[in-house]
């Protein structure tokens, strides 16, 4: 079963406990899968065993669970498998991102002229911080900019430009939350734990990761359909191979008739 409606920013263990308590009356709760990234995933899966477990669970659609209402839907096992496969793919994308050396050191900047176009803001900030060292990446969004550097001493130098002027505007600088400053989460540990700050790059690249995961799911569905079609074709070929010759002729005739039927003219024509 798939369940939506909960606040994905709550502790993972708390969400899992609520779902187990809510669905245990429907049957044996074998497993509960809670999304670990609330920015990308907002749906949980509850795997139930028992007589009429699915029907009982569907009756809980719209039911109240504390301060939220559960949106309950049937989810075939292959959908859950697809979800887990997509989660593994997403984890590989996240791992590659957090281990990218370009994002080890960085600062956040406020106070610049926000009336300028983003590309112009980036150009101005790159010039202002170029004396600090090698800038590896700049991300502009609204009133804030994230600027990354190659080395830690370059980051420290950039922080020293706090309250400096950029085109007549006095800027504020602050050290960014990076993967380097946040130890990797243990398997199954939620990013919502106390003391953990989501790296800025995870917020920046969340939409792109979401698009890639969506495309990954689409490709997997297409491949699955092709595999199933290929299996059906092989099964049909195998049946024909052992079919009596008279029946094979009839089957061939039926296929030819079906193929030609769209172009057979009616008596009126």
Foldseek 3Di string as FASTA:
>chain_A
DKKAWDDLLDFPVVVQVLVCVVLVVLADFPDKARDQDNLQDGMIDTDGDDDCSLVVQCVQAQPDRDPTGIHDDDDDPVNVVLVVVLVVVLVVVVVCVQPDLLFQWKKKKFWDPQVDDPVVVVVQVCVVLVVLAAWRDWDDDGGMIMITHNDPSSNVVVQVQQQPDGPRTGMHMDTFDGCNNFDDDDVPGHCSDPPHDPGPVCVVCVVVSSVVSVVVSVVVVVVVVVVVVVVVVVVVVVCLVPDPPVVNVVVVVVVVCVVCVVPDDDPVD
